[in-house]
Protein backbone atom coordinates (compact mmCIF):
# COMPACT_ATOMS: atom_id res chain seq x y z
CA VAL A 1 -44.74 16.02 89.06
CA GLN A 2 -45.78 17.89 92.18
CA LEU A 3 -44.13 17.79 95.59
CA VAL A 4 -45.81 19.61 98.47
CA GLU A 5 -43.96 19.86 101.77
CA SER A 6 -45.64 20.61 105.08
CA GLY A 7 -45.19 20.26 108.82
CA GLY A 8 -42.54 22.86 109.52
CA GLY A 9 -42.74 25.49 112.21
CA LEU A 10 -41.06 27.08 115.18
CA VAL A 11 -39.81 24.67 117.84
CA GLN A 12 -37.58 24.98 120.87
CA PRO A 13 -34.20 23.24 120.99
CA GLY A 14 -34.71 19.60 121.89
CA GLY A 15 -38.16 19.55 120.36
CA SER A 16 -39.58 17.47 117.53
CA LEU A 17 -41.32 17.99 114.23
CA ARG A 18 -42.65 15.65 111.58
CA LEU A 19 -42.40 16.85 108.01
CA SER A 20 -44.55 15.44 105.22
CA CYS A 21 -44.16 15.57 101.47
CA ALA A 22 -47.20 14.73 99.39
CA ALA A 23 -46.26 13.60 95.90
CA SER A 24 -48.40 13.45 92.77
CA GLY A 25 -48.04 13.26 89.02
CA PHE A 26 -45.86 10.17 88.97
CA THR A 27 -45.82 6.61 90.27
CA PHE A 28 -44.46 7.33 93.73
CA SER A 29 -43.68 3.70 94.56
CA ASN A 30 -41.24 3.50 91.64
CA TYR A 31 -38.83 6.15 92.89
CA PRO A 32 -36.46 6.61 95.80
CA MET A 33 -36.94 9.86 97.67
CA LYS A 34 -34.73 12.34 99.48
CA TRP A 35 -35.04 15.22 101.92
CA TYR A 36 -32.82 18.29 101.52
CA ARG A 37 -32.49 21.48 103.50
CA GLN A 38 -31.25 24.92 102.64
CA VAL A 39 -30.14 27.92 104.64
CA PRO A 40 -30.08 31.32 102.91
CA GLY A 41 -26.76 31.90 101.21
CA LYS A 42 -25.78 28.24 101.28
CA GLU A 43 -26.21 25.33 98.90
CA ARG A 44 -28.97 22.82 99.38
CA GLU A 45 -27.79 19.99 101.66
CA LEU A 46 -28.86 16.35 101.41
CA VAL A 47 -30.34 15.25 104.72
CA ALA A 48 -31.81 11.81 104.12
CA PHE A 49 -32.50 9.17 101.46
CA ILE A 50 -34.99 6.35 101.33
CA SER A 51 -35.21 3.52 98.84
CA ILE A 52 -38.34 2.46 96.99
CA THR A 53 -39.29 -0.12 99.58
CA GLY A 54 -38.08 1.89 102.54
CA ARG A 55 -35.66 -0.82 103.59
CA THR A 56 -32.61 1.31 102.82
CA THR A 57 -32.13 4.72 104.40
CA THR A 58 -29.11 6.99 104.69
CA TYR A 59 -28.56 10.20 106.63
CA LEU A 60 -26.35 13.24 106.87
CA ASP A 61 -23.91 12.54 109.69
CA SER A 62 -25.13 15.44 111.79
CA VAL A 63 -28.71 14.12 111.90
CA LYS A 64 -28.03 10.41 112.39
CA GLY A 65 -29.86 9.10 115.41
CA ARG A 66 -32.15 12.14 115.52
CA PHE A 67 -33.98 12.12 112.17
CA THR A 68 -35.91 9.26 110.59
CA ILE A 69 -37.08 9.16 106.99
CA SER A 70 -40.02 6.97 106.06
CA ARG A 71 -42.55 6.60 103.28
CA ASP A 72 -46.09 5.45 102.65
CA ASN A 73 -46.40 4.21 99.09
CA VAL A 74 -50.18 3.97 99.37
CA LYS A 75 -50.47 7.62 100.34
CA SER A 76 -47.62 8.73 98.03
CA THR A 77 -46.06 10.55 100.94
CA VAL A 78 -42.55 10.70 102.38
CA TYR A 79 -41.94 11.79 105.95
CA LEU A 80 -39.08 13.16 108.00
CA GLN A 81 -39.39 12.71 111.75
CA MET A 82 -37.01 15.13 113.43
CA ASN A 83 -36.21 14.74 117.12
CA SER A 84 -33.76 16.48 119.46
CA LEU A 85 -33.71 19.48 117.17
CA HIS A 86 -30.77 21.89 117.31
CA PRO A 87 -30.67 25.53 116.22
CA ASP A 88 -28.34 24.34 113.42
CA ASP A 89 -31.28 22.39 111.98
CA THR A 90 -32.99 25.67 111.11
CA ALA A 91 -33.56 25.69 107.35
CA VAL A 92 -36.14 25.31 104.63
CA TYR A 93 -36.70 21.60 104.06
CA TYR A 94 -37.48 20.15 100.64
CA CYS A 95 -38.28 16.70 99.37
CA ALA A 96 -36.99 15.38 96.07
CA LEU A 97 -37.42 12.32 93.94
CA VAL A 98 -34.54 10.36 92.49
CA GLY A 99 -34.33 9.39 88.86
CA ARG A 100 -36.46 11.83 86.90
CA PRO A 101 -36.70 15.59 86.41
CA PHE A 102 -38.89 17.54 88.76
CA ASP A 103 -39.49 21.08 89.96
CA TRP A 104 -38.68 21.82 93.58
CA GLY A 105 -41.65 22.47 95.82
CA GLN A 106 -41.97 25.51 98.02
CA GLY A 107 -40.38 23.74 100.96
CA THR A 108 -41.34 24.02 104.59
CA GLN A 109 -39.57 26.31 107.05
CA VAL A 110 -38.16 24.78 110.22
CA THR A 111 -36.95 27.21 112.85
CA VAL A 112 -35.31 25.91 116.03
CA SER A 113 -35.02 28.67 118.58
CA SER A 114 -35.74 29.41 122.21
């Protein structure tokens, strides 16, 4: 199993970023996926969940209405569209699969700052 996150960067408050997570080594369309984020010194925090078909999604309360998780089962990729970013969204973002062991990827750094 390999999960490779990308798309992070430095953005001003109110800006947008689209994160991608390319998955390989397993049948992507068989597993729900999640996005987490982590700030140094704190535990990893669940940000969003998406079901196998994409019809069911859930979000951390603080990102509802601003973030959208989606997936492309043909490309084996899960996305996180992040709009109206706040400085509190600054973190390393990771994707994860649900239902089998995996090693965390390297994550992608998102920094929201003016």
